């Protein structure tokens, strides 16, 4: 359907060892997809080129006013050596929602999916075959007006780069420790929390640094207005098993609508597990821990898929969940989602797109 100009590299990179110990986001493949936008002309010149540095003027607008968006998804190599994507259309629909929030022109979703398929097929030899490994896909847009001034840009660049990544759990899936943040806010009502923009992550760095200093791996963010209700965990949406019910915060304009979050809810409900999306206070969570009703906690996201939480650090008090062990619901969900993504389990939801 789309004609992309393709220029293949004449000097391929030396590949790292494509095993389950690959660090996240350190190595990048030989090629990238790129497309330009100009006001009055629209998006034009979609192409595949050699992965290379960008040339930007010091006054380039994204460097000063952070008008940029991004997405994250993965390609997988199955046990029978087939390649497949997981819910790419949903990622690009969310991408357009992020774009709309900060005045970036809409993209053609079908073109974006075809661009990913084309690029991944060109660099398919970079996709690891070890269990738990994948090819991380990073689409992003930056504003490139060469002018300082606070206003939507008239020029943009859309790009896709690829990075082979190892298993998020090379030593097995183990529960993590999370710090409950009450001082800082990642975002607030009316803000950009529902959009995938770099500013949200920049705003989280100080709290993340302090959490690491306290022996925690990520931050559990509370609402920006009262610091009372649970929003999300760092780069993940969050779920709590309270009694016989799985509870996750209902989406609002401070919570990113995760693709894995939505998938987890569908998988759990299809298995007969009650999932409730509602307002959830940190007080309810801590009270449930005291009474023994808090049976499990986990996060969901592209990188880890499902990450069990074994401990919460709240007001300098450590709360242990399920004896710091992965719970049965968390384990079953992880097995089902990763099984669908890697082709070892049937895709009854229609989420997989073969390459």
C-alpha atoms as a PDB file:
ATOM      1  CA  UNK A   1       0.000   0.000   0.000  1.00  0.00           C
ATOM      2  CA  UNK A   2       2.893   2.378   0.680  1.00  0.00           C
ATOM      3  CA  UNK A   3       6.078   3.017  -1.202  1.00  0.00           C
ATOM      4  CA  UNK A   4       9.055   3.637   1.019  1.00  0.00           C
ATOM      5  CA  UNK A   5      12.418   4.652  -0.389  1.00  0.00           C
ATOM      6  CA  UNK A   6      14.932   2.218   1.056  1.00  0.00           C
ATOM      7  CA  UNK A   7      18.667   2.847   1.331  1.00  0.00           C
ATOM      8  CA  UNK A   8      20.536  -0.081   2.842  1.00  0.00           C
ATOM      9  CA  UNK A   9      23.746   0.394   4.762  1.00  0.00           C
ATOM     10  CA  UNK A  10      27.029  -0.473   3.060  1.00  0.00           C
ATOM     11  CA  UNK A  11      28.800  -0.915   6.405  1.00  0.00           C
ATOM     12  CA  UNK A  12      26.719  -3.150   8.709  1.00  0.00           C
ATOM     13  CA  UNK A  13      27.419  -2.882  12.410  1.00  0.00           C
ATOM     14  CA  UNK A  14      29.055  -5.622  14.400  1.00  0.00           C
ATOM     15  CA  UNK A  15      26.213  -7.195  16.345  1.00  0.00           C
ATOM     16  CA  UNK A  16      26.460  -7.809  20.089  1.00  0.00           C
ATOM     17  CA  UNK A  17      25.807 -11.260  21.482  1.00  0.00           C
ATOM     18  CA  UNK A  18      22.057 -11.628  20.926  1.00  0.00           C
ATOM     19  CA  UNK A  19      21.352 -13.455  24.172  1.00  0.00           C
ATOM     20  CA  UNK A  20      19.153 -12.969  27.234  1.00  0.00           C
ATOM     21  CA  UNK A  21      21.767 -10.707  28.893  1.00  0.00           C
ATOM     22  CA  UNK A  22      21.392  -7.860  26.397  1.00  0.00           C
ATOM     23  CA  UNK A  23      20.917  -4.559  28.275  1.00  0.00           C
ATOM     24  CA  UNK A  24      17.805  -2.542  27.535  1.00  0.00           C
ATOM     25  CA  UNK A  25      18.162   0.225  24.952  1.00  0.00           C
ATOM     26  CA  UNK A  26      21.942   0.133  24.496  1.00  0.00           C
ATOM     27  CA  UNK A  27      22.371  -1.378  21.031  1.00  0.00           C
ATOM     28  CA  UNK A  28      20.590  -0.276  17.854  1.00  0.00           C
ATOM     29  CA  UNK A  29      20.146  -1.942  14.494  1.00  0.00           C
ATOM     30  CA  UNK A  30      21.583  -0.891  11.128  1.00  0.00           C
ATOM     31  CA  UNK A  31      18.590   1.065   9.859  1.00  0.00           C
ATOM     32  CA  UNK A  32      15.912   3.558  10.872  1.00  0.00           C
ATOM     33  CA  UNK A  33      12.643   4.803   9.411  1.00  0.00           C
ATOM     34  CA  UNK A  34      12.199   8.534   8.951  1.00  0.00           C
ATOM     35  CA  UNK A  35       9.475  10.847   7.617  1.00  0.00           C
ATOM     36  CA  UNK A  36       9.122  14.645   7.564  1.00  0.00           C
ATOM     37  CA  UNK A  37       6.295  17.099   8.126  1.00  0.00           C
ATOM     38  CA  UNK A  38       5.849  20.695   7.006  1.00  0.00           C
ATOM     39  CA  UNK A  39       2.795  22.838   7.648  1.00  0.00           C
ATOM     40  CA  UNK A  40       0.759  23.101   4.452  1.00  0.00           C
ATOM     41  CA  UNK A  41       2.479  20.050   2.979  1.00  0.00           C
ATOM     42  CA  UNK A  42       1.678  17.379   5.545  1.00  0.00           C
ATOM     43  CA  UNK A  43       3.722  14.235   6.176  1.00  0.00           C
ATOM     44  CA  UNK A  44       6.006  13.342   3.264  1.00  0.00           C
ATOM     45  CA  UNK A  45       9.048  11.353   2.095  1.00  0.00           C
ATOM     46  CA  UNK A  46       8.716   8.148   4.162  1.00  0.00           C
ATOM     47  CA  UNK A  47      12.007   6.278   3.904  1.00  0.00           C
ATOM     48  CA  UNK A  48      14.403   3.774   5.427  1.00  0.00           C
ATOM     49  CA  UNK A  49      17.978   4.939   5.898  1.00  0.00           C
ATOM     50  CA  UNK A  50      21.157   3.901   7.669  1.00  0.00           C
ATOM     51  CA  UNK A  51      20.991   4.484  11.427  1.00  0.00           C
ATOM     52  CA  UNK A  52      22.941   7.712  11.885  1.00  0.00           C
ATOM     53  CA  UNK A  53      23.134  10.898  13.998  1.00  0.00           C
ATOM     54  CA  UNK A  54      20.674  13.730  13.409  1.00  0.00           C
ATOM     55  CA  UNK A  55      21.823  17.201  12.444  1.00  0.00           C
ATOM     56  CA  UNK A  56      19.886  19.798  14.471  1.00  0.00           C
ATOM     57  CA  UNK A  57      20.366  23.516  14.955  1.00  0.00           C
ATOM     58  CA  UNK A  58      20.871  24.776  18.541  1.00  0.00           C
ATOM     59  CA  UNK A  59      17.549  26.636  18.270  1.00  0.00           C
ATOM     60  CA  UNK A  60      15.588  23.498  17.301  1.00  0.00           C
ATOM     61  CA  UNK A  61      12.269  23.823  19.109  1.00  0.00           C
ATOM     62  CA  UNK A  62      12.047  20.364  20.706  1.00  0.00           C
ATOM     63  CA  UNK A  63      15.285  21.080  22.591  1.00  0.00           C
ATOM     64  CA  UNK A  64      13.718  24.083  24.293  1.00  0.00           C
ATOM     65  CA  UNK A  65      10.001  23.348  24.678  1.00  0.00           C
ATOM     66  CA  UNK A  66       9.850  19.528  24.765  1.00  0.00           C
ATOM     67  CA  UNK A  67       7.296  19.135  21.985  1.00  0.00           C
ATOM     68  CA  UNK A  68       7.869  15.439  21.353  1.00  0.00           C
ATOM     69  CA  UNK A  69       6.057  12.131  21.738  1.00  0.00           C
ATOM     70  CA  UNK A  70       7.083   8.485  21.612  1.00  0.00           C
ATOM     71  CA  UNK A  71       5.822   4.913  21.763  1.00  0.00           C
ATOM     72  CA  UNK A  72       7.218   1.542  22.766  1.00  0.00           C
ATOM     73  CA  UNK A  73       6.408  -1.892  21.362  1.00  0.00           C
ATOM     74  CA  UNK A  74       8.167  -5.141  20.525  1.00  0.00           C
ATOM     75  CA  UNK A  75       8.732  -7.703  17.783  1.00  0.00           C
ATOM     76  CA  UNK A  76       9.209 -11.331  18.794  1.00  0.00           C
ATOM     77  CA  UNK A  77      10.893 -14.377  17.266  1.00  0.00           C
ATOM     78  CA  UNK A  78       8.800 -17.479  17.953  1.00  0.00           C
ATOM     79  CA  UNK A  79      10.116 -20.944  18.760  1.00  0.00           C
ATOM     80  CA  UNK A  80       9.501 -21.953  15.112  1.00  0.00           C
ATOM     81  CA  UNK A  81      11.494 -18.904  13.902  1.00  0.00           C
ATOM     82  CA  UNK A  82       8.549 -16.777  12.825  1.00  0.00           C
ATOM     83  CA  UNK A  83       8.421 -13.029  13.512  1.00  0.00           C
ATOM     84  CA  UNK A  84       5.427 -11.225  14.975  1.00  0.00           C
ATOM     85  CA  UNK A  85       4.215  -7.967  16.511  1.00  0.00           C
ATOM     86  CA  UNK A  86       1.909  -7.500  19.500  1.00  0.00           C
ATOM     87  CA  UNK A  87      -1.000  -5.043  19.083  1.00  0.00           C
ATOM     88  CA  UNK A  88       0.832  -2.483  16.876  1.00  0.00           C
ATOM     89  CA  UNK A  89      -2.374  -0.730  15.798  1.00  0.00           C
ATOM     90  CA  UNK A  90      -3.256   0.000  19.409  1.00  0.00           C
ATOM     91  CA  UNK A  91       0.173   1.516  19.987  1.00  0.00           C
ATOM     92  CA  UNK A  92      -0.158   3.886  17.048  1.00  0.00           C
ATOM     93  CA  UNK A  93      -3.697   4.882  17.998  1.00  0.00           C
ATOM     94  CA  UNK A  94      -2.356   5.831  21.416  1.00  0.00           C
ATOM     95  CA  UNK A  95       0.539   7.600  19.676  1.00  0.00           C
ATOM     96  CA  UNK A  96      -1.963   9.820  17.877  1.00  0.00           C
ATOM     97  CA  UNK A  97      -3.738  10.567  21.168  1.00  0.00           C
ATOM     98  CA  UNK A  98      -0.410  11.709  22.609  1.00  0.00           C
ATOM     99  CA  UNK A  99       0.241  13.782  19.489  1.00  0.00           C
ATOM    100  CA  UNK A 100      -3.128  15.497  19.764  1.00  0.00           C
ATOM    101  CA  UNK A 101      -2.461  16.430  23.390  1.00  0.00           C
ATOM    102  CA  UNK A 102       0.619  18.492  22.492  1.00  0.00           C
ATOM    103  CA  UNK A 103      -0.420  19.747  19.045  1.00  0.00           C
ATOM    104  CA  UNK A 104       1.559  17.371  16.820  1.00  0.00           C
ATOM    105  CA  UNK A 105      -0.118  16.489  13.488  1.00  0.00           C
ATOM    106  CA  UNK A 106      -1.837  13.107  13.274  1.00  0.00           C
ATOM    107  CA  UNK A 107      -0.142  10.153  11.599  1.00  0.00           C
ATOM    108  CA  UNK A 108      -1.652   7.543   9.289  1.00  0.00           C
ATOM    109  CA  UNK A 109      -1.851   4.477  11.558  1.00  0.00           C
ATOM    110  CA  UNK A 110      -1.701   1.995   8.681  1.00  0.00           C
ATOM    111  CA  UNK A 111       1.398   3.702   7.272  1.00  0.00           C
ATOM    112  CA  UNK A 112       3.047   3.494  10.697  1.00  0.00           C
ATOM    113  CA  UNK A 113       2.356  -0.235  11.033  1.00  0.00           C
ATOM    114  CA  UNK A 114       3.663  -0.862   7.518  1.00  0.00           C
ATOM    115  CA  UNK A 115       6.766   1.183   8.345  1.00  0.00           C
ATOM    116  CA  UNK A 116       7.413  -1.008  11.397  1.00  0.00           C
ATOM    117  CA  UNK A 117       6.923  -4.194   9.372  1.00  0.00           C
ATOM    118  CA  UNK A 118       9.278  -2.965   6.657  1.00  0.00           C
ATOM    119  CA  UNK A 119      11.994  -1.871   9.075  1.00  0.00           C
ATOM    120  CA  UNK A 120      11.806  -4.993  11.237  1.00  0.00           C
ATOM    121  CA  UNK A 121      11.996  -7.252   8.190  1.00  0.00           C
ATOM    122  CA  UNK A 122      15.086  -5.409   6.961  1.00  0.00           C
ATOM    123  CA  UNK A 123      16.827  -5.787  10.330  1.00  0.00           C
ATOM    124  CA  UNK A 124      15.294  -9.140  11.299  1.00  0.00           C
ATOM    125  CA  UNK A 125      18.716 -10.711  11.889  1.00  0.00           C
ATOM    126  CA  UNK A 126      18.967  -8.502  14.983  1.00  0.00           C
ATOM    127  CA  UNK A 127      16.011 -10.187  16.698  1.00  0.00           C
ATOM    128  CA  UNK A 128      17.280 -12.513  19.456  1.00  0.00           C
ATOM    129  CA  UNK A 129      16.014 -16.085  19.684  1.00  0.00           C
ATOM    130  CA  UNK A 130      16.569 -16.702  23.408  1.00  0.00           C
ATOM    131  CA  UNK A 131      13.509 -17.069  25.675  1.00  0.00           C
ATOM    132  CA  UNK A 132      12.383 -13.719  27.056  1.00  0.00           C
ATOM    133  CA  UNK A 133      14.258 -11.672  24.442  1.00  0.00           C
ATOM    134  CA  UNK A 134      12.764  -9.399  21.781  1.00  0.00           C
ATOM    135  CA  UNK A 135      13.347  -6.455  19.468  1.00  0.00           C
ATOM    136  CA  UNK A 136      12.263  -3.211  21.111  1.00  0.00           C
ATOM    137  CA  UNK A 137      10.631  -0.735  18.699  1.00  0.00           C
ATOM    138  CA  UNK A 138      10.774   2.988  19.462  1.00  0.00           C
ATOM    139  CA  UNK A 139       8.687   5.325  17.258  1.00  0.00           C
ATOM    140  CA  UNK A 140       9.004   9.013  18.146  1.00  0.00           C
ATOM    141  CA  UNK A 141       8.319  12.522  16.844  1.00  0.00           C
ATOM    142  CA  UNK A 142      10.281  15.691  17.506  1.00  0.00           C
ATOM    143  CA  UNK A 143       9.454  19.300  16.627  1.00  0.00           C
ATOM    144  CA  UNK A 144      12.239  20.790  14.477  1.00  0.00           C
ATOM    145  CA  UNK A 145      11.415  24.447  13.898  1.00  0.00           C
ATOM    146  CA  UNK A 146      14.654  26.436  14.001  1.00  0.00           C
ATOM    147  CA  UNK A 147      13.173  29.178  16.133  1.00  0.00           C
ATOM    148  CA  UNK A 148      12.843  29.934  19.823  1.00  0.00           C
ATOM    149  CA  UNK A 149       9.265  30.709  20.814  1.00  0.00           C
ATOM    150  CA  UNK A 150       6.466  28.933  22.688  1.00  0.00           C
ATOM    151  CA  UNK A 151       4.023  27.737  20.041  1.00  0.00           C
ATOM    152  CA  UNK A 152       3.273  24.538  18.106  1.00  0.00           C
ATOM    153  CA  UNK A 153       5.973  23.885  15.542  1.00  0.00           C
ATOM    154  CA  UNK A 154       5.428  23.918  11.788  1.00  0.00           C
ATOM    155  CA  UNK A 155       8.011  21.177  11.093  1.00  0.00           C
ATOM    156  CA  UNK A 156       8.417  17.703  12.596  1.00  0.00           C
ATOM    157  CA  UNK A 157      10.412  14.526  12.109  1.00  0.00           C
ATOM    158  CA  UNK A 158       8.894  11.090  12.731  1.00  0.00           C
ATOM    159  CA  UNK A 159      11.353   8.246  13.259  1.00  0.00           C
ATOM    160  CA  UNK A 160      11.449   4.579  14.235  1.00  0.00           C
ATOM    161  CA  UNK A 161      14.546   2.919  15.670  1.00  0.00           C
ATOM    162  CA  UNK A 162      15.058  -0.688  16.793  1.00  0.00           C
ATOM    163  CA  UNK A 163      16.984  -2.189  19.699  1.00  0.00           C
ATOM    164  CA  UNK A 164      17.526  -5.879  20.539  1.00  0.00           C
ATOM    165  CA  UNK A 165      16.840  -6.453  24.235  1.00  0.00           C
ATOM    166  CA  UNK A 166      17.463  -9.317  26.595  1.00  0.00           C
ATOM    167  CA  UNK A 167      15.119 -10.898  29.069  1.00  0.00           C
ATOM    168  CA  UNK A 168      13.748  -8.507  31.684  1.00  0.00           C
ATOM    169  CA  UNK A 169      14.153 -11.418  34.129  1.00  0.00           C
ATOM    170  CA  UNK A 170      17.394 -13.235  33.114  1.00  0.00           C
ATOM    171  CA  UNK A 171      17.573 -14.809  36.581  1.00  0.00           C
ATOM    172  CA  UNK A 172      13.854 -15.582  36.884  1.00  0.00           C
ATOM    173  CA  UNK A 173      10.797 -13.444  37.591  1.00  0.00           C
ATOM    174  CA  UNK A 174      11.291 -12.030  41.071  1.00  0.00           C
ATOM    175  CA  UNK A 175       9.175  -9.514  43.036  1.00  0.00           C
ATOM    176  CA  UNK A 176      10.454  -5.938  43.276  1.00  0.00           C
ATOM    177  CA  UNK A 177      10.346  -3.285  45.985  1.00  0.00           C
ATOM    178  CA  UNK A 178       8.387  -0.065  45.272  1.00  0.00           C
ATOM    179  CA  UNK A 179       8.531   3.326  47.003  1.00  0.00           C
ATOM    180  CA  UNK A 180       5.260   5.204  47.610  1.00  0.00           C
ATOM    181  CA  UNK A 181       5.840   8.861  46.676  1.00  0.00           C
ATOM    182  CA  UNK A 182       3.940  11.521  48.654  1.00  0.00           C
ATOM    183  CA  UNK A 183       6.005  14.654  48.027  1.00  0.00           C
ATOM    184  CA  UNK A 184       6.491  14.924  44.270  1.00  0.00           C
ATOM    185  CA  UNK A 185       3.915  14.646  41.465  1.00  0.00           C
ATOM    186  CA  UNK A 186       4.528  13.043  38.096  1.00  0.00           C
ATOM    187  CA  UNK A 187       1.522  14.802  36.575  1.00  0.00           C
ATOM    188  CA  UNK A 188      -1.804  16.293  37.676  1.00  0.00           C
ATOM    189  CA  UNK A 189      -5.449  16.638  36.602  1.00  0.00           C
ATOM    190  CA  UNK A 190      -5.553  18.369  33.231  1.00  0.00           C
ATOM    191  CA  UNK A 191      -1.880  17.576  32.631  1.00  0.00           C
ATOM    192  CA  UNK A 192      -0.166  15.241  30.185  1.00  0.00           C
ATOM    193  CA  UNK A 193      -0.248  12.027  32.229  1.00  0.00           C
ATOM    194  CA  UNK A 194      -2.398  10.249  29.676  1.00  0.00           C
ATOM    195  CA  UNK A 195       0.074  11.104  26.874  1.00  0.00           C
ATOM    196  CA  UNK A 196       3.410   9.390  26.282  1.00  0.00           C
ATOM    197  CA  UNK A 197       5.691  12.434  26.314  1.00  0.00           C
ATOM    198  CA  UNK A 198       9.236  12.835  27.580  1.00  0.00           C
ATOM    199  CA  UNK A 199       8.323  15.569  30.045  1.00  0.00           C
ATOM    200  CA  UNK A 200       6.375  13.111  32.171  1.00  0.00           C
ATOM    201  CA  UNK A 201       9.471  10.968  32.591  1.00  0.00           C
ATOM    202  CA  UNK A 202      11.759  13.930  33.252  1.00  0.00           C
ATOM    203  CA  UNK A 203       9.391  14.979  36.048  1.00  0.00           C
ATOM    204  CA  UNK A 204       9.762  11.534  37.622  1.00  0.00           C
ATOM    205  CA  UNK A 205      13.564  11.365  37.748  1.00  0.00           C
ATOM    206  CA  UNK A 206      14.179  13.004  41.132  1.00  0.00           C
ATOM    207  CA  UNK A 207      11.666  10.779  42.917  1.00  0.00           C
ATOM    208  CA  UNK A 208      13.069   7.757  41.091  1.00  0.00           C
ATOM    209  CA  UNK A 209      16.596   8.667  42.239  1.00  0.00           C
ATOM    210  CA  UNK A 210      15.436   8.994  45.834  1.00  0.00           C
ATOM    211  CA  UNK A 211      13.553   5.691  45.613  1.00  0.00           C
ATOM    212  CA  UNK A 212      16.701   3.900  44.436  1.00  0.00           C
ATOM    213  CA  UNK A 213      18.610   5.416  47.343  1.00  0.00           C
ATOM    214  CA  UNK A 214      16.009   3.829  49.642  1.00  0.00           C
ATOM    215  CA  UNK A 215      16.573   0.414  48.071  1.00  0.00           C
ATOM    216  CA  UNK A 216      13.533   0.496  45.800  1.00  0.00           C
ATOM    217  CA  UNK A 217      13.415  -0.099  42.073  1.00  0.00           C
ATOM    218  CA  UNK A 218      10.510   2.193  41.105  1.00  0.00           C
ATOM    219  CA  UNK A 219       8.041   4.766  42.407  1.00  0.00           C
ATOM    220  CA  UNK A 220       4.333   4.289  43.073  1.00  0.00           C
ATOM    221  CA  UNK A 221       2.798   7.634  42.118  1.00  0.00           C
ATOM    222  CA  UNK A 222      -0.214   9.035  43.917  1.00  0.00           C
ATOM    223  CA  UNK A 223      -2.604  11.609  42.492  1.00  0.00           C
ATOM    224  CA  UNK A 224      -1.157  15.094  42.004  1.00  0.00           C
ATOM    225  CA  UNK A 225      -3.989  16.920  43.767  1.00  0.00           C
ATOM    226  CA  UNK A 226      -4.133  15.219  47.182  1.00  0.00           C
ATOM    227  CA  UNK A 227      -1.442  12.505  47.132  1.00  0.00           C
ATOM    228  CA  UNK A 228      -4.178  10.197  48.302  1.00  0.00           C
ATOM    229  CA  UNK A 229      -5.169   7.956  45.399  1.00  0.00           C
ATOM    230  CA  UNK A 230      -3.016   5.479  43.481  1.00  0.00           C
ATOM    231  CA  UNK A 231      -2.125   6.434  39.886  1.00  0.00           C
ATOM    232  CA  UNK A 232       0.613   4.217  38.424  1.00  0.00           C
ATOM    233  CA  UNK A 233       4.109   2.836  39.008  1.00  0.00           C
ATOM    234  CA  UNK A 234       6.952   4.499  37.099  1.00  0.00           C
ATOM    235  CA  UNK A 235       6.795   2.986  33.634  1.00  0.00           C
ATOM    236  CA  UNK A 236       3.966   0.580  34.521  1.00  0.00           C
ATOM    237  CA  UNK A 237       0.280   0.481  35.299  1.00  0.00           C
ATOM    238  CA  UNK A 238      -0.458  -1.151  38.627  1.00  0.00           C
ATOM    239  CA  UNK A 239      -2.827  -3.890  39.878  1.00  0.00           C
ATOM    240  CA  UNK A 240      -3.716  -5.150  43.368  1.00  0.00           C
ATOM    241  CA  UNK A 241      -5.280  -8.489  44.259  1.00  0.00           C
ATOM    242  CA  UNK A 242      -7.526  -7.623  47.192  1.00  0.00           C
ATOM    243  CA  UNK A 243      -9.457 -10.620  48.432  1.00  0.00           C
ATOM    244  CA  UNK A 244     -10.839 -12.400  45.379  1.00  0.00           C
ATOM    245  CA  UNK A 245     -10.839  -9.259  43.229  1.00  0.00           C
ATOM    246  CA  UNK A 246      -8.182  -7.637  41.056  1.00  0.00           C
ATOM    247  CA  UNK A 247      -8.330  -3.860  41.421  1.00  0.00           C
ATOM    248  CA  UNK A 248      -6.599  -1.326  39.174  1.00  0.00           C
ATOM    249  CA  UNK A 249      -6.973   2.472  39.189  1.00  0.00           C
ATOM    250  CA  UNK A 250      -9.539   3.661  36.654  1.00  0.00           C
ATOM    251  CA  UNK A 251      -8.041   5.648  33.810  1.00  0.00           C
ATOM    252  CA  UNK A 252      -7.972   9.410  34.121  1.00  0.00           C
ATOM    253  CA  UNK A 253      -5.951  12.217  32.555  1.00  0.00           C
ATOM    254  CA  UNK A 254      -3.024  11.452  34.867  1.00  0.00           C
ATOM    255  CA  UNK A 255      -2.648   7.744  33.973  1.00  0.00           C
ATOM    256  CA  UNK A 256      -1.175   6.355  30.757  1.00  0.00           C
ATOM    257  CA  UNK A 257      -3.629   3.905  29.114  1.00  0.00           C
ATOM    258  CA  UNK A 258      -1.218   0.980  28.818  1.00  0.00           C
ATOM    259  CA  UNK A 259      -1.572  -1.520  25.984  1.00  0.00           C
ATOM    260  CA  UNK A 260      -0.332  -4.261  28.325  1.00  0.00           C
ATOM    261  CA  UNK A 261      -2.734  -3.001  31.006  1.00  0.00           C
ATOM    262  CA  UNK A 262      -5.692  -3.424  28.658  1.00  0.00           C
ATOM    263  CA  UNK A 263      -4.414  -6.838  27.592  1.00  0.00           C
ATOM    264  CA  UNK A 264      -4.013  -7.963  31.203  1.00  0.00           C
ATOM    265  CA  UNK A 265      -7.579  -6.979  32.037  1.00  0.00           C
ATOM    266  CA  UNK A 266      -8.918  -8.956  29.058  1.00  0.00           C
ATOM    267  CA  UNK A 267      -6.835 -12.033  29.896  1.00  0.00           C
ATOM    268  CA  UNK A 268      -7.880 -11.990  33.556  1.00  0.00           C
ATOM    269  CA  UNK A 269     -11.571 -11.521  32.790  1.00  0.00           C
ATOM    270  CA  UNK A 270     -11.490 -14.241  30.151  1.00  0.00           C
ATOM    271  CA  UNK A 271     -10.190 -16.562  32.873  1.00  0.00           C
ATOM    272  CA  UNK A 272     -13.133 -15.799  35.139  1.00  0.00           C
ATOM    273  CA  UNK A 273     -11.262 -13.415  37.456  1.00  0.00           C
ATOM    274  CA  UNK A 274     -13.111 -10.309  38.591  1.00  0.00           C
ATOM    275  CA  UNK A 275     -11.290  -7.119  37.605  1.00  0.00           C
ATOM    276  CA  UNK A 276     -12.499  -3.751  38.845  1.00  0.00           C
ATOM    277  CA  UNK A 277     -11.293  -0.384  37.547  1.00  0.00           C
ATOM    278  CA  UNK A 278     -11.972   2.257  40.197  1.00  0.00           C
ATOM    279  CA  UNK A 279     -10.568   4.974  42.419  1.00  0.00           C
ATOM    280  CA  UNK A 280      -8.203   3.323  44.887  1.00  0.00           C
ATOM    281  CA  UNK A 281      -6.631   5.106  47.850  1.00  0.00           C
ATOM    282  CA  UNK A 282      -3.244   4.235  49.295  1.00  0.00           C
ATOM    283  CA  UNK A 283      -5.014   3.983  52.669  1.00  0.00           C
ATOM    284  CA  UNK A 284      -7.215   1.187  51.321  1.00  0.00           C
ATOM    285  CA  UNK A 285      -4.123  -0.626  50.058  1.00  0.00           C
ATOM    286  CA  UNK A 286      -2.284  -0.373  53.375  1.00  0.00           C
ATOM    287  CA  UNK A 287      -5.384  -1.395  55.342  1.00  0.00           C
ATOM    288  CA  UNK A 288      -5.786  -4.420  53.078  1.00  0.00           C
ATOM    289  CA  UNK A 289      -2.186  -5.331  53.808  1.00  0.00           C
ATOM    290  CA  UNK A 290      -2.835  -5.114  57.558  1.00  0.00           C
ATOM    291  CA  UNK A 291      -5.878  -7.384  57.391  1.00  0.00           C
ATOM    292  CA  UNK A 292      -4.253  -9.873  55.032  1.00  0.00           C
ATOM    293  CA  UNK A 293      -6.651  -9.057  52.207  1.00  0.00           C
ATOM    294  CA  UNK A 294      -3.840  -7.716  49.978  1.00  0.00           C
ATOM    295  CA  UNK A 295      -2.793 -10.982  48.375  1.00  0.00           C
ATOM    296  CA  UNK A 296      -0.748  -9.801  45.388  1.00  0.00           C
ATOM    297  CA  UNK A 297       0.465  -6.680  43.591  1.00  0.00           C
ATOM    298  CA  UNK A 298       1.938  -6.355  40.104  1.00  0.00           C
ATOM    299  CA  UNK A 299       2.678  -3.853  37.378  1.00  0.00           C
ATOM    300  CA  UNK A 300       2.210  -4.174  33.620  1.00  0.00           C
ATOM    301  CA  UNK A 301       4.172  -2.563  30.798  1.00  0.00           C
ATOM    302  CA  UNK A 302       5.950  -3.218  27.509  1.00  0.00           C
ATOM    303  CA  UNK A 303       9.410  -3.830  29.003  1.00  0.00           C
ATOM    304  CA  UNK A 304       8.597  -6.320  31.768  1.00  0.00           C
ATOM    305  CA  UNK A 305       5.118  -7.390  30.550  1.00  0.00           C
ATOM    306  CA  UNK A 306       4.146  -8.300  34.134  1.00  0.00           C
ATOM    307  CA  UNK A 307       6.286  -7.379  37.143  1.00  0.00           C
ATOM    308  CA  UNK A 308       5.389  -8.770  40.597  1.00  0.00           C
ATOM    309  CA  UNK A 309       5.724  -6.429  43.575  1.00  0.00           C
ATOM    310  CA  UNK A 310       6.819  -8.027  46.831  1.00  0.00           C
ATOM    311  CA  UNK A 311       7.349  -4.977  49.026  1.00  0.00           C
ATOM    312  CA  UNK A 312       6.017  -1.430  49.402  1.00  0.00           C
ATOM    313  CA  UNK A 313       7.943   1.250  51.273  1.00  0.00           C
ATOM    314  CA  UNK A 314       5.341   3.688  52.615  1.00  0.00           C
ATOM    315  CA  UNK A 315       6.263   6.429  55.112  1.00  0.00           C
ATOM    316  CA  UNK A 316       9.447   4.524  55.989  1.00  0.00           C
ATOM    317  CA  UNK A 317       7.434   1.422  56.828  1.00  0.00           C
ATOM    318  CA  UNK A 318       8.028  -1.698  54.750  1.00  0.00           C
ATOM    319  CA  UNK A 319       4.946  -3.666  53.730  1.00  0.00           C
ATOM    320  CA  UNK A 320       5.567  -7.212  52.538  1.00  0.00           C
ATOM    321  CA  UNK A 321       3.098  -8.698  50.041  1.00  0.00           C
ATOM    322  CA  UNK A 322       2.594 -12.464  49.700  1.00  0.00           C
ATOM    323  CA  UNK A 323       5.804 -13.172  51.646  1.00  0.00           C
ATOM    324  CA  UNK A 324       7.736 -11.380  48.871  1.00  0.00           C
ATOM    325  CA  UNK A 325       6.851 -14.174  46.445  1.00  0.00           C
ATOM    326  CA  UNK A 326       5.140 -14.036  43.076  1.00  0.00           C
ATOM    327  CA  UNK A 327       1.438 -14.814  43.421  1.00  0.00           C
ATOM    328  CA  UNK A 328      -0.542 -17.352  41.424  1.00  0.00           C
ATOM    329  CA  UNK A 329      -2.603 -14.757  39.530  1.00  0.00           C
ATOM    330  CA  UNK A 330       0.507 -12.746  38.624  1.00  0.00           C
ATOM    331  CA  UNK A 331       2.332 -15.857  37.431  1.00  0.00           C
ATOM    332  CA  UNK A 332      -0.584 -17.105  35.325  1.00  0.00           C
ATOM    333  CA  UNK A 333      -1.017 -13.684  33.741  1.00  0.00           C
ATOM    334  CA  UNK A 334       2.690 -13.427  32.926  1.00  0.00           C
ATOM    335  CA  UNK A 335       2.727 -16.910  31.399  1.00  0.00           C
ATOM    336  CA  UNK A 336      -0.368 -16.228  29.294  1.00  0.00           C
ATOM    337  CA  UNK A 337       0.704 -12.821  27.960  1.00  0.00           C
ATOM    338  CA  UNK A 338       4.281 -13.821  27.164  1.00  0.00           C
ATOM    339  CA  UNK A 339       2.994 -17.057  25.656  1.00  0.00           C
ATOM    340  CA  UNK A 340       0.751 -15.120  23.267  1.00  0.00           C
ATOM    341  CA  UNK A 341       3.532 -12.674  22.412  1.00  0.00           C
ATOM    342  CA  UNK A 342       6.061 -15.390  21.617  1.00  0.00           C
ATOM    343  CA  UNK A 343       3.669 -17.790  19.893  1.00  0.00           C
ATOM    344  CA  UNK A 344       3.806 -20.596  22.453  1.00  0.00           C
ATOM    345  CA  UNK A 345       0.131 -20.067  23.353  1.00  0.00           C
ATOM    346  CA  UNK A 346      -2.854 -19.471  21.064  1.00  0.00           C
ATOM    347  CA  UNK A 347      -3.907 -15.875  20.392  1.00  0.00           C
ATOM    348  CA  UNK A 348      -7.664 -15.998  20.953  1.00  0.00           C
ATOM    349  CA  UNK A 349      -7.849 -12.199  21.160  1.00  0.00           C
ATOM    350  CA  UNK A 350      -6.507 -11.321  17.708  1.00  0.00           C
ATOM    351  CA  UNK A 351      -3.542  -9.335  19.050  1.00  0.00           C
ATOM    352  CA  UNK A 352      -0.720 -10.895  17.013  1.00  0.00           C
ATOM    353  CA  UNK A 353       0.363  -9.564  13.604  1.00  0.00           C
ATOM    354  CA  UNK A 354       2.818 -11.821  11.743  1.00  0.00           C
ATOM    355  CA  UNK A 355       5.649 -10.301   9.744  1.00  0.00           C
END
